[in-house]
Amino acid sequence: MHTPLDDDVYRLWDDLADHGTQDMQAALALCLRALCDWTVSQNGYWMGLVRLPHKAQRPDLLKGWRIGASVEMLRTEFTTPERIQHGTPIMQTPTADAAAQMIVATSGTFRSFSMCTGMFDPTAHEQTQHYSLFDHQPNISTRTWIVSPVNAHAESAFMFDTCINGKIFDAALMQQAVEALRGIKWFHRQLLCGHGLGLCAEPLSPAEQRLVPELLNGDREKVIANHLGLTEATLHQYATSIYRKFGVHGRTEFMSLWLRGAALTPHSRRITTDQ
């Protein structure tokens, strides 16, 4: 029997909805901060996962799944840009660690699991390059993953860490976070869209990501250019690139596509795991 959702969950949903599509980065920070507070986590992350076409005869333990969006950390003091830069190829490798393989094995369903639940061997995880780069120095003792599918080729993943020796997450508090994230598929979709994932043929550049909420605001390009400190020609170039990546012919179609949340088809994607 389901227990009633806590009022904090409803308040979080309302706060996220109030941000709309214009300020998804602030909404993501708000979401991570709230869930870290609830679960007494020392850090929270978000990643956009995409499934790229891959050749079955090539070894790939991740079955085409890759990290399509930058990791968003609530507390960057737990890592460094250099560690992210050096570690990205390891996170993207087809010979990934046990946690990544677990995420892939259960793709297509809403799921959550932790290091301490026995779903994979934490001792084996400690022998991986991923552990050496990301988990060892900040002394992560427990991590929980909460992953929501948006469509067959894109998923939204939240992770929460505790860095206190011997501490594990309180099951009831973590379940509150799970329920909160399970009820907002629209938010997962918008996070992916904001990073050019799930709906378009290739990821957006940082400059294009910055422009997406402005285009959704409905202001004229001249107004947006002034606001962002760009020339109209540069802004128009970015906008045209965004429309091309989303496979639309202008802003009206772009806004319609965003609101509709159309699913990505395998035929619309041009990048592959062979690259």
Protein backbone atom coordinates (compact mmCIF):
# COMPACT_ATOMS: atom_id res chain seq x y z
CA MET A 1 0.00 0.00 0.00
CA HIS A 2 1.38 3.41 -0.97
CA THR A 3 1.85 5.94 1.82
CA PRO A 4 0.71 9.50 1.09
CA LEU A 5 3.38 11.75 -0.37
CA ASP A 6 4.92 14.24 2.03
CA ASP A 7 3.93 17.89 1.59
CA ASP A 8 7.59 18.64 0.86
CA VAL A 9 7.29 16.58 -2.33
CA TYR A 10 4.30 18.59 -3.54
CA ARG A 11 6.07 21.84 -2.69
CA LEU A 12 9.11 20.75 -4.68
CA TRP A 13 6.93 19.85 -7.68
CA ASP A 14 5.25 23.26 -7.50
CA ASP A 15 8.60 25.07 -7.24
CA LEU A 16 9.99 23.20 -10.24
CA ALA A 17 6.87 23.95 -12.28
CA ASP A 18 7.16 27.64 -11.40
CA HIS A 19 10.58 27.77 -13.08
CA GLY A 20 9.04 26.74 -16.38
CA THR A 21 11.28 26.07 -19.37
CA GLN A 22 13.16 29.35 -19.07
CA ASP A 23 15.47 28.49 -16.17
CA MET A 24 16.13 24.76 -16.11
CA GLN A 25 19.62 25.10 -14.60
CA ALA A 26 18.21 26.92 -11.58
CA ALA A 27 15.41 24.33 -11.36
CA LEU A 28 17.97 21.51 -11.44
CA ALA A 29 20.03 23.16 -8.69
CA LEU A 30 16.88 23.61 -6.60
CA CYS A 31 15.95 19.96 -7.12
CA LEU A 32 19.41 18.65 -6.20
CA ARG A 33 19.59 20.87 -3.13
CA ALA A 34 16.18 19.78 -1.86
CA LEU A 35 16.85 16.07 -2.38
CA CYS A 36 20.30 16.30 -0.78
CA ASP A 37 18.72 18.00 2.24
CA TRP A 38 16.02 15.34 2.52
CA THR A 39 18.42 12.41 2.22
CA VAL A 40 21.29 14.02 4.19
CA SER A 41 23.58 13.59 1.17
CA GLN A 42 26.86 15.43 0.91
CA ASN A 43 26.55 15.81 -2.86
CA GLY A 44 24.13 15.34 -5.74
CA TYR A 45 24.64 14.90 -9.48
CA TRP A 46 22.57 14.78 -12.64
CA MET A 47 23.45 13.15 -15.97
CA GLY A 48 21.62 12.84 -19.26
CA LEU A 49 22.04 9.36 -20.74
CA VAL A 50 21.55 8.59 -24.43
CA ARG A 51 21.56 5.35 -26.39
CA LEU A 52 23.50 5.57 -29.61
CA PRO A 53 23.40 3.08 -32.49
CA HIS A 54 26.18 0.52 -32.15
CA LYS A 55 27.32 -2.53 -34.03
CA ALA A 56 26.38 -5.71 -32.20
CA GLN A 57 29.62 -7.44 -33.20
CA ARG A 58 31.70 -4.80 -31.39
CA PRO A 59 32.19 -5.39 -27.62
CA ASP A 60 30.14 -2.86 -25.70
CA LEU A 61 29.02 -3.66 -22.17
CA LEU A 62 26.93 -0.49 -22.19
CA LYS A 63 24.94 -1.56 -25.28
CA GLY A 64 25.27 1.85 -26.87
CA TRP A 65 24.40 3.89 -23.76
CA ARG A 66 26.64 6.90 -23.12
CA ILE A 67 26.66 10.03 -20.98
CA GLY A 68 25.29 12.68 -23.32
CA ALA A 69 25.25 15.65 -20.94
CA SER A 70 27.81 17.07 -18.55
CA VAL A 71 27.63 15.96 -14.95
CA GLU A 72 25.94 18.67 -12.89
CA MET A 73 27.33 18.69 -9.35
CA LEU A 74 25.66 20.43 -6.47
CA ARG A 75 28.94 20.74 -4.55
CA THR A 76 31.88 21.00 -6.91
CA GLU A 77 34.40 21.01 -4.05
CA PHE A 78 34.05 17.21 -3.98
CA THR A 79 35.76 16.98 -7.35
CA THR A 80 37.72 19.12 -9.80
CA PRO A 81 37.30 20.08 -13.46
CA GLU A 82 40.54 18.23 -14.17
CA ARG A 83 39.17 15.02 -12.70
CA ILE A 84 36.02 15.33 -14.78
CA GLN A 85 38.07 16.05 -17.90
CA HIS A 86 40.37 13.06 -17.40
CA GLY A 87 37.57 10.81 -16.25
CA THR A 88 35.07 11.44 -19.04
CA PRO A 89 36.68 8.92 -21.44
CA ILE A 90 36.54 6.33 -18.65
CA MET A 91 32.85 7.03 -18.01
CA GLN A 92 32.20 6.70 -21.75
CA THR A 93 34.18 3.49 -22.34
CA PRO A 94 32.32 0.37 -23.48
CA THR A 95 34.11 -1.55 -20.69
CA ALA A 96 32.45 0.39 -17.88
CA ASP A 97 32.22 -0.37 -14.17
CA ALA A 98 29.61 -2.53 -12.45
CA ALA A 99 27.34 0.36 -11.52
CA ALA A 100 27.12 1.56 -15.13
CA GLN A 101 26.40 -1.98 -16.28
CA MET A 102 23.61 -2.23 -13.70
CA ILE A 103 22.05 1.00 -14.99
CA VAL A 104 22.18 -0.36 -18.55
CA ALA A 105 20.83 -3.79 -17.62
CA THR A 106 17.69 -2.22 -16.17
CA SER A 107 17.19 0.49 -18.81
CA GLY A 108 13.65 1.33 -19.84
CA THR A 109 12.23 1.19 -16.31
CA PHE A 110 12.20 3.68 -13.46
CA ARG A 111 14.65 2.29 -10.91
CA SER A 112 16.83 3.11 -7.93
CA PHE A 113 19.63 1.22 -6.22
CA SER A 114 22.53 1.84 -3.86
CA MET A 115 26.05 0.55 -3.31
CA CYS A 116 24.93 -1.07 -0.07
CA THR A 117 21.98 -3.06 -1.49
CA GLY A 118 24.04 -5.94 -2.89
CA MET A 119 22.99 -5.32 -6.49
CA PHE A 120 26.68 -5.27 -7.45
CA ASP A 121 29.98 -6.02 -5.74
CA PRO A 122 31.37 -2.82 -4.14
CA THR A 123 34.76 -4.47 -3.67
CA ALA A 124 35.05 -5.03 -7.42
CA HIS A 125 33.90 -1.44 -7.97
CA GLU A 126 36.82 -0.21 -5.85
CA GLN A 127 39.24 -1.80 -8.32
CA THR A 128 38.00 0.24 -11.27
CA GLN A 129 39.50 3.39 -12.78
CA HIS A 130 36.16 5.11 -12.20
CA TYR A 131 36.46 4.56 -8.44
CA SER A 132 40.04 5.85 -8.39
CA LEU A 133 39.11 9.05 -10.21
CA PHE A 134 35.73 9.92 -8.75
CA ASP A 135 35.02 8.07 -5.52
CA HIS A 136 38.26 7.49 -3.63
CA GLN A 137 39.47 11.03 -2.93
CA PRO A 138 36.16 12.45 -1.67
CA ASN A 139 35.82 9.26 0.42
CA ILE A 140 32.39 8.32 -0.88
CA SER A 141 30.98 5.62 1.38
CA THR A 142 27.56 5.15 -0.24
CA ARG A 143 25.97 6.24 -3.51
CA THR A 144 22.35 5.95 -4.62
CA TRP A 145 21.23 6.10 -8.25
CA ILE A 146 17.71 7.11 -9.32
CA VAL A 147 17.12 6.77 -13.06
CA SER A 148 14.04 7.74 -15.06
CA PRO A 149 13.50 6.73 -18.71
CA VAL A 150 12.09 9.45 -20.93
CA ASN A 151 11.98 7.37 -24.08
CA ALA A 152 13.75 4.32 -25.51
CA HIS A 153 16.89 6.33 -26.25
CA ALA A 154 17.18 8.87 -23.42
CA GLU A 155 17.18 8.66 -19.62
CA SER A 156 17.63 11.10 -16.76
CA ALA A 157 19.91 9.95 -13.91
CA PHE A 158 20.26 11.45 -10.43
CA MET A 159 22.98 10.33 -7.99
CA PHE A 160 23.45 11.10 -4.33
CA ASP A 161 26.58 10.53 -2.22
CA THR A 162 27.40 10.37 1.43
CA CYS A 163 31.03 10.89 2.39
CA ILE A 164 30.89 9.91 6.05
CA ASN A 165 32.66 6.64 6.85
CA GLY A 166 30.23 3.85 7.63
CA LYS A 167 27.13 5.97 6.98
CA ILE A 168 24.35 4.58 4.79
CA PHE A 169 21.23 6.31 3.56
CA ASP A 170 18.06 6.18 5.62
CA ALA A 171 15.71 4.03 3.54
CA ALA A 172 12.59 6.08 4.33
CA LEU A 173 14.27 9.39 3.47
CA MET A 174 15.68 8.01 0.21
CA GLN A 175 12.26 6.61 -0.71
CA GLN A 176 10.87 10.13 -0.42
CA ALA A 177 13.44 11.29 -2.97
CA VAL A 178 12.59 8.34 -5.23
CA GLU A 179 8.87 9.16 -5.14
CA ALA A 180 9.57 12.85 -5.81
CA LEU A 181 11.60 12.06 -8.94
CA ARG A 182 9.19 9.39 -10.14
CA GLY A 183 6.28 11.82 -10.36
CA ILE A 184 7.90 14.44 -12.63
CA LYS A 185 8.65 12.84 -15.99
CA TRP A 186 7.97 16.23 -17.59
CA PHE A 187 10.94 17.62 -15.63
CA HIS A 188 13.27 14.81 -16.72
CA ARG A 189 12.22 15.46 -20.32
CA GLN A 190 12.93 19.17 -20.04
CA LEU A 191 16.35 18.55 -18.48
CA LEU A 192 17.27 16.34 -21.42
CA CYS A 193 15.86 18.79 -23.95
CA GLY A 194 17.75 21.65 -22.34
CA HIS A 195 20.98 19.78 -23.01
CA GLY A 196 20.00 18.88 -26.55
CA LEU A 197 19.32 15.24 -25.68
CA GLY A 198 16.43 12.91 -26.31
CA LEU A 199 14.85 14.95 -29.06
CA CYS A 200 17.65 16.07 -31.34
CA ALA A 201 20.25 14.51 -33.56
CA GLU A 202 23.33 15.65 -31.62
CA PRO A 203 24.11 17.37 -28.30
CA LEU A 204 23.91 21.15 -28.08
CA SER A 205 27.02 23.22 -27.45
CA PRO A 206 27.18 25.26 -24.19
CA ALA A 207 26.35 28.42 -26.15
CA GLU A 208 23.33 26.71 -27.72
CA GLN A 209 22.18 25.38 -24.34
CA ARG A 210 22.26 28.94 -23.03
CA LEU A 211 20.08 30.10 -25.91
CA VAL A 212 17.35 27.43 -25.62
CA PRO A 213 15.39 29.03 -22.73
CA GLU A 214 15.62 32.44 -24.42
CA LEU A 215 14.09 31.06 -27.62
CA LEU A 216 11.28 29.51 -25.59
CA ASN A 217 10.57 32.89 -23.98
CA GLY A 218 9.18 34.26 -27.23
CA ASP A 219 11.30 37.45 -27.39
CA ARG A 220 12.56 38.68 -30.75
CA GLU A 221 16.11 37.72 -31.70
CA LYS A 222 17.28 41.33 -31.36
CA VAL A 223 16.09 41.44 -27.75
CA ILE A 224 17.70 38.08 -26.98
CA ALA A 225 20.97 39.17 -28.60
CA ASN A 226 21.10 42.29 -26.44
CA HIS A 227 20.33 40.27 -23.33
CA LEU A 228 23.10 37.74 -24.03
CA GLY A 229 25.62 40.27 -25.29
CA LEU A 230 25.74 38.79 -28.80
CA THR A 231 25.40 40.26 -32.25
CA GLU A 232 22.17 39.47 -34.04
CA ALA A 233 24.12 37.57 -36.70
CA THR A 234 25.82 35.35 -34.11
CA LEU A 235 22.59 34.68 -32.28
CA HIS A 236 20.81 33.82 -35.51
CA GLN A 237 23.61 31.40 -36.36
CA TYR A 238 23.21 29.65 -32.99
CA ALA A 239 19.43 29.53 -33.36
CA THR A 240 19.67 28.06 -36.84
CA SER A 241 22.04 25.38 -35.56
CA ILE A 242 19.61 24.52 -32.75
CA TYR A 243 16.69 24.18 -35.15
CA ARG A 244 18.77 21.98 -37.44
CA LYS A 245 19.76 19.67 -34.57
CA PHE A 246 16.12 19.36 -33.49
CA GLY A 247 15.00 18.77 -37.08
CA VAL A 248 12.63 21.75 -37.22
CA HIS A 249 12.34 24.71 -39.59
CA GLY A 250 11.98 27.59 -37.15
CA ARG A 251 11.03 28.75 -33.70
CA THR A 252 7.34 27.93 -33.96
CA GLU A 253 8.09 24.29 -34.75
CA PHE A 254 10.82 24.27 -32.08
CA MET A 255 8.45 25.48 -29.34
CA SER A 256 5.77 23.04 -30.48
CA LEU A 257 8.26 20.16 -30.40
CA TRP A 258 9.45 21.10 -26.92
CA LEU A 259 5.96 21.29 -25.48
CA ARG A 260 4.93 18.09 -27.23
CA GLY A 261 7.98 16.18 -26.00
CA ALA A 262 8.14 14.07 -29.17
CA ALA A 263 10.14 10.85 -28.91
CA LEU A 264 13.45 10.38 -30.62
CA THR A 265 13.59 7.71 -33.28
CA PRO A 266 16.78 5.74 -33.97
CA HIS A 267 16.79 7.00 -37.58
CA SER A 268 17.03 10.65 -36.54
CA ARG A 269 20.35 10.31 -34.74
CA ARG A 270 23.53 10.78 -36.74
CA ILE A 271 26.24 10.01 -34.18
CA THR A 272 27.19 6.49 -33.19
CA THR A 273 29.30 4.66 -30.63
CA ASP A 274 31.85 3.95 -33.37
CA GLN A 275 33.02 7.54 -33.21
